Protein backbone atom coordinates (compact mmCIF):
# COMPACT_ATOMS: atom_id res chain seq x y z
CA UNK A 1 8.48 -16.46 19.24
CA UNK A 2 10.24 -18.50 16.55
CA UNK A 3 7.90 -21.47 17.20
CA UNK A 4 4.84 -19.21 16.95
CA UNK A 5 6.07 -17.73 13.66
CA UNK A 6 6.58 -21.24 12.29
CA UNK A 7 3.09 -22.21 13.48
CA UNK A 8 1.23 -19.23 12.03
CA UNK A 9 3.25 -18.57 8.86
CA UNK A 10 0.57 -19.44 6.31
CA UNK A 11 -0.71 -17.81 3.10
CA UNK A 12 -2.96 -14.86 3.87
CA UNK A 13 -4.20 -11.49 2.57
CA UNK A 14 -2.55 -8.15 3.39
CA UNK A 15 -5.99 -6.55 3.92
CA UNK A 16 -5.56 -3.31 2.03
CA UNK A 17 -9.29 -3.89 1.45
CA UNK A 18 -12.12 -6.00 2.74
CA UNK A 19 -13.39 -7.98 0.95
CA UNK A 20 -10.02 -8.79 -0.59
CA UNK A 21 -9.88 -8.64 -4.39
CA UNK A 22 -10.22 -12.43 -5.00
CA UNK A 23 -13.54 -12.32 -3.10
CA UNK A 24 -15.10 -9.41 -4.94
CA UNK A 25 -18.56 -10.38 -6.18
CA UNK A 26 -18.38 -9.37 -9.80
CA UNK A 27 -21.77 -10.90 -10.58
CA UNK A 28 -23.51 -8.16 -8.57
CA UNK A 29 -21.17 -5.36 -9.63
CA UNK A 30 -22.14 -2.72 -12.17
CA UNK A 31 -20.36 0.42 -13.29
CA UNK A 32 -23.51 2.47 -12.80
CA UNK A 33 -23.90 1.36 -9.19
CA UNK A 34 -20.20 2.09 -8.60
CA UNK A 35 -20.67 5.63 -9.89
CA UNK A 36 -23.81 6.03 -7.77
CA UNK A 37 -22.03 4.98 -4.55
CA UNK A 38 -19.07 7.21 -5.40
CA UNK A 39 -21.31 10.26 -5.85
CA UNK A 40 -23.15 9.46 -2.60
CA UNK A 41 -19.93 9.07 -0.63
CA UNK A 42 -18.37 12.19 -2.17
CA UNK A 43 -21.42 14.27 -1.23
CA UNK A 44 -21.23 12.94 2.33
CA UNK A 45 -17.52 13.52 2.90
CA UNK A 46 -15.81 15.96 0.52
CA UNK A 47 -16.50 19.11 2.55
CA UNK A 48 -15.69 17.39 5.86
CA UNK A 49 -12.51 15.47 5.07
CA UNK A 50 -11.65 15.79 1.37
CA UNK A 51 -10.67 12.85 -0.85
CA UNK A 52 -7.56 10.81 -1.63
CA UNK A 53 -6.04 10.36 -5.08
CA UNK A 54 -3.77 7.53 -6.19
CA UNK A 55 -2.16 7.99 -9.63
CA UNK A 56 -0.50 4.96 -11.22
CA UNK A 57 2.47 5.78 -13.45
CA UNK A 58 3.35 2.36 -14.89
CA UNK A 59 6.56 2.86 -16.86
CA UNK A 60 10.01 1.55 -15.88
CA UNK A 61 13.24 1.50 -17.86
CA UNK A 62 14.21 -1.95 -16.52
CA UNK A 63 12.50 -4.85 -14.77
CA UNK A 64 13.11 -5.44 -11.05
CA UNK A 65 12.48 -9.14 -10.53
CA UNK A 66 11.16 -8.78 -6.95
CA UNK A 67 8.33 -6.49 -8.12
CA UNK A 68 4.70 -7.56 -8.25
CA UNK A 69 3.29 -4.25 -9.57
CA UNK A 70 1.64 -3.62 -12.92
CA UNK A 71 4.26 -2.00 -15.14
CA UNK A 72 5.45 -1.53 -18.72
CA UNK A 73 9.18 -1.76 -19.45
CA UNK A 74 10.44 0.75 -22.02
CA UNK A 75 13.22 3.27 -22.59
CA UNK A 76 11.01 5.39 -24.86
CA UNK A 77 10.03 8.57 -23.06
CA UNK A 78 7.68 9.72 -25.78
CA UNK A 79 5.05 7.63 -23.94
CA UNK A 80 4.91 10.18 -21.10
CA UNK A 81 2.74 12.93 -22.59
CA UNK A 82 0.06 10.67 -24.12
CA UNK A 83 -0.31 8.80 -20.83
CA UNK A 84 -0.61 12.01 -18.80
CA UNK A 85 -3.22 13.26 -21.27
CA UNK A 86 -5.26 10.10 -20.63
CA UNK A 87 -4.95 10.40 -16.84
CA UNK A 88 -6.10 14.02 -16.95
CA UNK A 89 -9.02 13.08 -19.19
CA UNK A 90 -9.99 10.28 -16.77
CA UNK A 91 -9.85 12.81 -13.93
CA UNK A 92 -12.19 15.12 -15.86
CA UNK A 93 -14.65 12.25 -16.32
CA UNK A 94 -14.69 11.79 -12.54
CA UNK A 95 -14.99 15.52 -11.83
CA UNK A 96 -17.92 15.79 -14.25
CA UNK A 97 -19.59 12.90 -12.41
CA UNK A 98 -18.97 14.38 -8.94
CA UNK A 99 -20.41 17.74 -9.89
CA UNK A 100 -18.38 19.99 -7.58
CA UNK A 101 -14.68 20.56 -7.02
CA UNK A 102 -12.98 17.76 -5.07
CA UNK A 103 -10.86 18.82 -2.11
CA UNK A 104 -7.75 16.66 -2.32
CA UNK A 105 -6.45 15.72 1.14
CA UNK A 106 -4.02 12.97 0.16
CA UNK A 107 -2.31 12.13 -3.10
CA UNK A 108 0.23 9.46 -3.93
CA UNK A 109 2.12 8.82 -7.16
CA UNK A 110 2.98 5.13 -7.49
CA UNK A 111 4.19 2.83 -10.19
CA UNK A 112 6.02 1.58 -12.02
CA UNK A 113 8.55 4.33 -11.57
CA UNK A 114 7.00 7.79 -11.20
CA UNK A 115 10.43 9.38 -11.68
CA UNK A 116 10.56 7.74 -15.13
CA UNK A 117 8.54 10.85 -16.06
CA UNK A 118 10.33 14.16 -16.54
CA UNK A 119 9.98 16.86 -13.87
CA UNK A 120 8.13 19.01 -16.40
CA UNK A 121 5.60 16.28 -17.18
CA UNK A 122 5.04 15.49 -13.50
CA UNK A 123 4.35 19.16 -12.86
CA UNK A 124 1.99 19.28 -15.83
CA UNK A 125 0.13 16.28 -14.41
CA UNK A 126 -0.33 17.80 -10.95
CA UNK A 127 -1.22 21.26 -12.25
CA UNK A 128 -3.77 19.60 -14.53
CA UNK A 129 -5.32 17.83 -11.55
CA UNK A 130 -5.76 21.13 -9.70
CA UNK A 131 -7.37 22.92 -12.59
CA UNK A 132 -10.42 20.91 -11.51
CA UNK A 133 -9.78 20.50 -7.79
CA UNK A 134 -8.71 22.25 -4.58
CA UNK A 135 -5.88 21.39 -2.19
CA UNK A 136 -6.95 20.74 1.39
CA UNK A 137 -5.15 23.10 3.81
CA UNK A 138 -3.57 20.11 5.58
CA UNK A 139 -2.90 18.06 2.44
CA UNK A 140 -0.26 15.33 2.39
CA UNK A 141 1.18 14.51 -1.05
CA UNK A 142 3.77 11.78 -1.58
CA UNK A 143 5.52 9.94 -4.40
CA UNK A 144 7.73 6.91 -4.95
CA UNK A 145 11.21 7.86 -6.13
CA UNK A 146 13.79 5.53 -7.64
CA UNK A 147 17.17 6.38 -6.03
CA UNK A 148 18.96 5.93 -9.37
CA UNK A 149 16.91 8.38 -11.42
CA UNK A 150 15.31 10.82 -8.95
CA UNK A 151 16.97 14.17 -9.60
CA UNK A 152 16.95 17.43 -7.68
CA UNK A 153 14.79 18.72 -10.51
CA UNK A 154 12.21 15.98 -9.82
CA UNK A 155 12.21 16.78 -6.12
CA UNK A 156 11.96 20.53 -6.65
CA UNK A 157 9.23 20.28 -9.29
CA UNK A 158 7.01 18.16 -7.04
CA UNK A 159 7.84 20.24 -3.97
CA UNK A 160 6.69 23.33 -5.85
CA UNK A 161 3.23 21.78 -6.42
CA UNK A 162 2.74 20.68 -2.80
CA UNK A 163 4.61 17.42 -2.22
CA UNK A 164 6.36 17.02 1.13
CA UNK A 165 6.80 13.21 1.33
CA UNK A 166 8.98 10.93 -0.78
CA UNK A 167 9.52 7.18 -0.48
CA UNK A 168 12.63 5.50 -1.85
CA UNK A 169 12.75 1.81 -2.66
CA UNK A 170 15.99 0.52 -1.13
CA UNK A 171 15.22 -3.21 -0.66
CA UNK A 172 18.78 -4.31 0.30
CA UNK A 173 22.29 -2.88 -0.04
CA UNK A 174 24.14 -6.14 -0.74
CA UNK A 175 25.39 -6.24 -4.33
CA UNK A 176 24.72 -9.96 -4.85
CA UNK A 177 21.13 -9.53 -3.71
CA UNK A 178 20.77 -6.45 -5.90
CA UNK A 179 22.04 -8.34 -8.95
CA UNK A 180 19.53 -11.15 -8.32
CA UNK A 181 16.59 -8.73 -8.19
CA UNK A 182 18.00 -6.58 -11.03
CA UNK A 183 18.12 -3.46 -8.88
CA UNK A 184 21.67 -2.15 -8.62
CA UNK A 185 21.72 1.03 -6.53
CA UNK A 186 24.71 1.89 -4.34
CA UNK A 187 24.27 3.39 -0.88
CA UNK A 188 25.72 6.65 -2.20
CA UNK A 189 22.75 7.04 -4.57
CA UNK A 190 20.25 6.63 -1.72
CA UNK A 191 22.26 9.00 0.48
CA UNK A 192 22.34 11.61 -2.28
CA UNK A 193 18.57 11.63 -2.93
CA UNK A 194 17.70 11.47 0.79
CA UNK A 195 19.86 14.49 1.54
CA UNK A 196 18.59 16.31 -1.57
CA UNK A 197 14.97 15.90 -0.43
CA UNK A 198 15.78 17.34 2.98
CA UNK A 199 17.73 20.26 1.53
CA UNK A 200 14.72 21.20 -0.60
CA UNK A 201 12.37 21.00 2.39
CA UNK A 202 10.66 17.60 2.35
CA UNK A 203 9.38 16.91 5.86
CA UNK A 204 9.11 13.10 5.56
CA UNK A 205 11.51 10.77 3.77
CA UNK A 206 10.71 7.06 3.75
CA UNK A 207 12.82 4.01 2.81
CA UNK A 208 11.47 0.58 1.85
CA UNK A 209 13.44 -2.48 2.98
CA UNK A 210 12.58 -6.07 2.08
CA UNK A 211 13.55 -9.34 3.79
CA UNK A 212 13.37 -12.81 2.27
CA UNK A 213 15.03 -11.82 -1.02
CA UNK A 214 17.17 -14.25 -3.08
CA UNK A 215 20.67 -14.78 -1.65
CA UNK A 216 19.80 -12.51 1.30
CA UNK A 217 21.22 -13.41 4.71
CA UNK A 218 20.57 -12.07 8.20
CA UNK A 219 23.86 -10.19 7.99
CA UNK A 220 22.66 -8.46 4.81
CA UNK A 221 19.43 -7.36 6.51
CA UNK A 222 21.32 -6.05 9.55
CA UNK A 223 23.83 -4.21 7.36
CA UNK A 224 21.02 -2.57 5.37
CA UNK A 225 19.26 -1.46 8.56
CA UNK A 226 22.47 0.03 10.01
CA UNK A 227 23.19 1.89 6.77
CA UNK A 228 19.59 3.09 6.80
CA UNK A 229 20.02 4.29 10.39
CA UNK A 230 22.89 6.53 9.28
CA UNK A 231 20.49 8.38 6.95
CA UNK A 232 17.70 8.49 9.56
CA UNK A 233 14.64 8.36 7.27
CA UNK A 234 11.45 9.51 9.01
CA UNK A 235 9.59 6.33 8.07
CA UNK A 236 10.50 2.79 7.13
CA UNK A 237 8.61 -0.06 5.55
CA UNK A 238 10.06 -3.49 6.39
CA UNK A 239 8.30 -5.87 4.03
CA UNK A 240 8.38 -9.60 3.53
CA UNK A 241 9.22 -10.44 -0.08
CA UNK A 242 5.99 -11.75 -1.57
CA UNK A 243 7.05 -14.49 -3.97
CA UNK A 244 3.96 -14.95 -6.14
CA UNK A 245 5.22 -15.96 -9.61
CA UNK A 246 1.96 -17.87 -10.21
CA UNK A 247 0.24 -14.46 -10.24
CA UNK A 248 2.93 -12.32 -11.84
CA UNK A 249 4.19 -14.49 -14.67
CA UNK A 250 7.89 -14.48 -15.47
CA UNK A 251 8.58 -11.15 -13.77
CA UNK A 252 9.57 -12.95 -10.56
CA UNK A 253 11.67 -15.62 -12.26
CA UNK A 254 15.01 -13.83 -12.50
CA UNK A 255 16.37 -16.33 -9.97
CA UNK A 256 15.75 -19.88 -8.79
CA UNK A 257 13.40 -20.76 -5.94
CA UNK A 258 16.42 -22.38 -4.29
CA UNK A 259 18.09 -18.97 -4.12
CA UNK A 260 15.46 -17.77 -1.64
CA UNK A 261 16.20 -18.00 2.12
CA UNK A 262 14.74 -20.99 3.93
CA UNK A 263 11.61 -20.43 6.00
CA UNK A 264 13.73 -20.54 9.16
CA UNK A 265 16.26 -18.02 7.78
CA UNK A 266 13.47 -15.70 6.68
CA UNK A 267 11.87 -15.87 10.14
CA UNK A 268 15.23 -14.92 11.66
CA UNK A 269 15.56 -11.96 9.25
CA UNK A 270 12.11 -10.78 10.31
CA UNK A 271 12.60 -11.19 14.07
CA UNK A 272 16.12 -9.78 14.27
CA UNK A 273 15.37 -7.01 11.78
CA UNK A 274 12.41 -5.79 13.86
CA UNK A 275 14.51 -5.84 17.04
CA UNK A 276 17.26 -3.84 15.38
CA UNK A 277 14.84 -1.26 13.96
CA UNK A 278 13.40 -0.73 17.44
CA UNK A 279 16.90 -0.55 18.93
CA UNK A 280 17.97 2.21 16.50
CA UNK A 281 14.97 4.39 17.38
CA UNK A 282 11.97 3.41 15.27
CA UNK A 283 8.46 2.76 16.61
CA UNK A 284 6.40 -0.02 15.02
CA UNK A 285 3.26 1.23 13.26
CA UNK A 286 0.54 -1.28 12.45
CA UNK A 287 1.96 -3.98 10.18
CA UNK A 288 5.33 -3.74 8.39
CA UNK A 289 5.78 -0.02 9.09
CA UNK A 290 8.08 1.92 11.42
CA UNK A 291 8.45 5.64 12.08
CA UNK A 292 10.28 8.13 14.21
CA UNK A 293 8.12 9.70 16.92
CA UNK A 294 8.30 13.01 15.07
CA UNK A 295 6.65 11.62 11.91
CA UNK A 296 2.93 12.14 11.18
CA UNK A 297 2.38 8.37 10.82
CA UNK A 298 3.46 7.80 14.41
CA UNK A 299 1.44 10.78 15.61
CA UNK A 300 -1.67 9.48 13.86
CA UNK A 301 -1.22 6.08 15.51
CA UNK A 302 -1.00 7.71 18.96
CA UNK A 303 -4.09 9.87 18.28
CA UNK A 304 -6.12 6.97 16.89
CA UNK A 305 -6.39 8.44 13.38
CA UNK A 306 -4.26 5.88 11.55
CA UNK A 307 -6.01 4.52 8.45
CA UNK A 308 -5.33 1.78 5.90
CA UNK A 309 -6.40 1.57 2.26
CA UNK A 310 -5.01 0.51 -1.12
CA UNK A 311 -2.14 3.00 -0.64
CA UNK A 312 -1.17 1.25 2.61
CA UNK A 313 -1.12 3.05 5.96
CA UNK A 314 -2.07 6.73 5.85
CA UNK A 315 -2.00 9.41 8.55
CA UNK A 316 -5.69 10.24 8.19
CA UNK A 317 -8.89 8.78 6.76
CA UNK A 318 -10.79 9.90 3.71
CA UNK A 319 -14.04 8.15 2.80
CA UNK A 320 -13.32 8.46 -0.94
CA UNK A 321 -10.17 7.31 -2.71
CA UNK A 322 -10.05 7.64 -6.49
CA UNK A 323 -7.44 5.69 -8.44
CA UNK A 324 -6.34 7.13 -11.79
CA UNK A 325 -4.33 5.33 -14.44
CA UNK A 326 -4.14 1.77 -15.71
CA UNK A 327 -4.78 -0.92 -13.03
CA UNK A 328 -5.57 1.64 -10.27
CA UNK A 329 -8.18 0.74 -7.65
CA UNK A 330 -10.77 3.17 -6.28
CA UNK A 331 -12.72 3.01 -3.03
CA UNK A 332 -16.02 4.83 -2.45
CA UNK A 333 -16.30 3.25 1.04
CA UNK A 334 -19.46 1.51 -0.17
CA UNK A 335 -17.79 -0.16 -3.17
CA UNK A 336 -14.49 -0.85 -4.92
CA UNK A 337 -13.62 -0.57 -8.62
CA UNK A 338 -10.46 -1.41 -10.53
CA UNK A 339 -9.31 0.05 -13.84
CA UNK A 340 -8.34 -2.12 -16.78
CA UNK A 341 -4.70 -3.20 -16.67
CA UNK A 342 -3.82 -2.97 -20.37
CA UNK A 343 -2.41 0.46 -21.25
CA UNK A 344 -3.89 0.27 -24.73
CA UNK A 345 -7.37 -0.60 -23.46
CA UNK A 346 -7.12 2.06 -20.76
CA UNK A 347 -6.34 4.80 -23.26
CA UNK A 348 -9.00 3.57 -25.69
CA UNK A 349 -11.75 3.67 -23.06
CA UNK A 350 -10.77 7.09 -21.71
CA UNK A 351 -10.49 8.51 -25.23
CA UNK A 352 -14.08 7.38 -25.74
CA UNK A 353 -15.26 9.14 -22.55
CA UNK A 354 -15.64 5.89 -20.57
CA UNK A 355 -14.44 5.61 -16.95
CA UNK A 356 -12.12 2.63 -17.52
CA UNK A 357 -13.15 0.20 -14.77
CA UNK A 358 -13.50 -3.50 -15.51
CA UNK A 359 -14.29 -5.14 -12.17
CA UNK A 360 -15.33 -4.24 -8.66
CA UNK A 361 -17.45 -5.06 -5.62
CA UNK A 362 -20.49 -3.47 -3.98
CA UNK A 363 -20.17 -3.94 -0.21
CA UNK A 364 -23.01 -5.62 1.66
CA UNK A 365 -24.05 -4.64 5.19
CA UNK A 366 -22.03 -7.61 6.48
CA UNK A 367 -19.01 -6.52 4.43
CA UNK A 368 -19.17 -3.05 5.95
CA UNK A 369 -19.24 -4.40 9.51
CA UNK A 370 -16.33 -6.78 8.99
CA UNK A 371 -14.38 -4.11 7.13
CA UNK A 372 -14.59 -1.90 10.23
CA UNK A 373 -13.34 -4.72 12.45
CA UNK A 374 -10.37 -5.42 10.18
CA UNK A 375 -9.51 -1.71 9.99
CA UNK A 376 -9.70 -1.50 13.79
CA UNK A 377 -7.36 -4.46 14.14
CA UNK A 378 -4.92 -3.26 11.47
CA UNK A 379 -4.76 0.32 12.75
CA UNK A 380 -5.51 0.12 16.49
CA UNK A 381 -4.88 -3.53 17.45
CA UNK A 382 -8.31 -3.85 19.03
CA UNK A 383 -12.00 -4.09 18.09
CA UNK A 384 -15.37 -4.61 19.74
CA UNK A 385 -18.80 -5.92 18.75
CA UNK A 386 -21.07 -4.68 21.54
CA UNK A 387 -23.44 -2.61 19.35
CA UNK A 388 -25.87 -3.35 16.54
CA UNK A 389 -23.51 -1.55 14.14
CA UNK A 390 -20.59 -3.83 14.99
CA UNK A 391 -22.25 -7.20 15.69
CA UNK A 392 -22.56 -9.95 13.09
CA UNK A 393 -23.96 -13.48 13.53
CA UNK A 394 -20.70 -15.34 12.91
CA UNK A 395 -18.84 -13.61 15.74
CA UNK A 396 -19.02 -16.82 17.79
CA UNK A 397 -17.17 -18.65 15.00
CA UNK A 398 -14.56 -15.89 14.93
CA UNK A 399 -13.98 -16.38 18.66
CA UNK A 400 -13.63 -20.13 18.10
CA UNK A 401 -11.06 -19.53 15.36
CA UNK A 402 -9.09 -17.29 17.72
CA UNK A 403 -9.18 -19.73 20.66
CA UNK A 404 -5.73 -21.15 19.94
CA UNK A 405 -4.27 -17.68 19.46
CA UNK A 406 -5.75 -16.70 22.83
CA UNK A 407 -4.07 -19.74 24.38
CA UNK A 408 -0.79 -18.66 22.76
CA UNK A 409 -1.12 -15.18 24.27
CA UNK A 410 -1.66 -13.36 20.97
CA UNK A 411 -5.13 -11.93 21.69
CA UNK A 412 -7.04 -11.12 24.88
CA UNK A 413 -10.85 -11.11 24.97
CA UNK A 414 -13.00 -8.64 26.87
CA UNK A 415 -16.77 -8.75 27.36
CA UNK A 416 -17.63 -7.62 23.81
CA UNK A 417 -14.31 -7.29 22.08
CA UNK A 418 -10.65 -8.17 21.93
CA UNK A 419 -7.26 -6.56 21.86
CA UNK A 420 -4.12 -7.79 20.18
CA UNK A 421 -1.28 -8.25 22.66
CA UNK A 422 2.24 -7.00 21.99
CA UNK A 423 3.23 -10.60 21.27
CA UNK A 424 0.30 -10.89 18.84
CA UNK A 425 1.07 -7.85 16.73
CA UNK A 426 3.37 -9.71 14.27
CA UNK A 427 0.41 -12.04 13.60
CA UNK A 428 -2.14 -9.34 12.77
CA UNK A 429 -2.84 -10.80 9.31
CA UNK A 430 -3.69 -14.16 10.90
CA UNK A 431 -5.97 -12.47 13.45
CA UNK A 432 -7.78 -10.56 10.70
CA UNK A 433 -8.23 -13.82 8.78
CA UNK A 434 -10.37 -15.12 11.66
CA UNK A 435 -12.86 -12.32 10.89
CA UNK A 436 -12.77 -12.93 7.14
CA UNK A 437 -16.03 -14.84 6.76
CA UNK A 438 -15.75 -14.93 2.95
CA UNK A 439 -12.35 -16.62 3.16
CA UNK A 440 -13.77 -19.29 5.49
CA UNK A 441 -16.94 -19.84 3.50
CA UNK A 442 -14.93 -20.48 0.34
CA UNK A 443 -11.36 -21.43 1.02
CA UNK A 444 -9.21 -20.96 -2.10
CA UNK A 445 -8.51 -24.07 -4.12
CA UNK A 446 -5.32 -22.56 -5.52
CA UNK A 447 -2.59 -20.38 -4.01
CA UNK A 448 -3.81 -16.74 -3.91
CA UNK A 449 -1.81 -15.00 -1.20
CA UNK A 450 1.77 -14.61 -0.01
CA UNK A 451 2.89 -16.00 3.33
CA UNK A 452 1.85 -13.93 6.36
CA UNK A 453 5.48 -13.57 7.51
């Protein structure tokens, strides 16, 4: 396995969308066409499956140097109310466009640090959303909580408005690693907020762990997993640290490149970490994710309902996902659109009754077909092309690109399709790249993506 990881560890997309953002065709994109596809998709799907909402809350009190998210560092909490006002106004612009009340099936608060906001302001935000919308009977609402500043009041306030899932960013428990990434949070803090969520009634608690961090060793990864096991979170994300300072400026320069584990050490952290997670009772879900058998993410994988979008893996599919807040990305199924990243520009546009998108992509027929294949691979580890709706002319080239992976036992071909073998699952990004015709037609001249492992 180690030789295969070394062989296939190359830069590649994470495929939270297809086409990936660097391959969006902005020349053919227009805000009016985006709104038209959104209205079409909403009319097709709202009554049947509802919609998803992602709300970006960008503020943090301090900078974590491993983070690649769009954020604003400040200790001034008077920014909370004006930002919430803008998000609620943006939501009204969308509701006016859609014409009837959205039924919200999934909602996620991300950041930044959502728990930077006071419990009262978070409740005001959610109550404001549902002045114009309905909650689906089987809704699943989640938020990202910082273990150092998530209080029982935060947890209770969000529980009271329908949230039952919380995700805590743990990363690693070793103090030297935590100092390097500027994220000091003792195990006791994580234990306290995990237990507090369960006492209140949250049905799914998730922890995020990262391997490949500066100064991190295999022993650190194993220690973090064993400490995590003692708290028994329902879900786990086990991510590779994506070192992309060329994209994120100085935010990822709180340490030297030489402080990062070698490629061989990082491979060992990945392989041994996965083995240990499985040993302590977690089932692997898609890529980078693990869950107990009792969690809805595992159940959705077993039932074939697992979905992937800009929020990552979700337990069910909605055709429409609307992103609110600066830098958020929306998905109408037929097109993508991203909001402006500058907080000042975002508020200015919304204040002037403009939906604040600045770039996007209208999917072609070919895009739609390949998107389905990549979703099938990411969520079900198999796909087929035996019908007119799933066939595309370059499928023979895809098979050629996968020939070596077939020889290595990572994929197995059938008559009109393929399945990813158990040995091939760690290489799912590489397998998806074989289907990515845009990537192969125009290979990037500069570094765009993190390493696949």
